[in-house]
Structures are given as C-alpha cells and as structure tokens.
Amino acid sequence: MNGPFVVQEYVRWSDVDYAGIIFYGAYVRFFEIAETELFRAAGVPYGEVFDRFDIWLPRVHLSCDFEYPARLDDCLKVAAYFTRFGRSSVHINFDVVHVASGRIAAAAREVLVCVDRKTMRPRQLPDALKAAFERFTFTQEDARRQLGIRGEERAGR
C-alpha cells in the first residue's frame, strides 16, 4: 500500500537548546532529509531533477506549527507528502511524529516553485515530474489517517 513517505531520525545534540528541547529552526533539517528522500523514493533524486528538467526548485514558503516538545535523543518519524501542484509550484507537507508519544511534534508546509535554470523565471512544472510524485500525493487528512494519527493525538488541540 502506498502512503506518505516516512523517514526516522533522532534529535541530535546540535538540534537542542540548553534545556535539551529541540529548537524551532532544527526542524528544517528534518524536513530537508525527508524531502530529499521523498524525491529519491519517487525515482527522481534532486541531482537528477535539476539536470534532467533544466530547472531549479527554490523554496518560496515555509510555515510550521510546533505542537509537542521533542527532546535530545527522541526518535522522530517524519512523513513527507505532496498536497498540491500549481502551474509552476509544488506543495509539500511534513508531519513530524514523536515516536514514543505518538503525537505530532511539528507540522509544516513548504512551497517550491519551478524556475528555468538560465532565466530564473517561473515555468510550468514538467508533467513527468508530477507523474513521478503522484503516488506520494495526499490530502493532509488522508495522509494522517494512513499514518495512524488521530485528532486527539495532537497536543493542545
């Protein structure tokens, strides 16, 4: 059964503050690992995407909700999935699950824009790229259902 792409990673010493709690900016490392491996799992590693399609995919938006504190050495499961394709944009969601508690530690959304490598102007997202991403495309609700995340597992909500 296909589902959101998932990687597991531990909270490292460099990810935490003096209190031993992950600091907000450290989540970007987790998102990048999941995003890179998501592309690889879709059959289009980042290094190939740029050369094969003659594009860049700069990030133009990143938003994140922090819901449950992860601490040094906690294991986090990071789910990554595509939620929307615009004419030239790709939307990726990340759900970071604190493995021991089963709760969402952080939930993020990122938008990448397809641009021509020479002109840096937006261009249409290649159909072959969208097709490669299709099996990892879900609504947030469907992705969370497949991940076994229920509403009451979300902190403070």
Foldseek 3Di string as FASTA:
>chain_A
DFAFQKDKDWQAPVQDDPVQWGDDVSVVVVVVVSVQVLCVVLVQGPVNVCVVVQKDWDWDDKDKDFFAIDGGGFMKMKTKFWADDDQFKTKIKIFIARVVLRATGMIMIIMIGIAHNPPRHGHGDDPVSCVSRVSRYDHPVVNCVVVVHDPVSTHPD
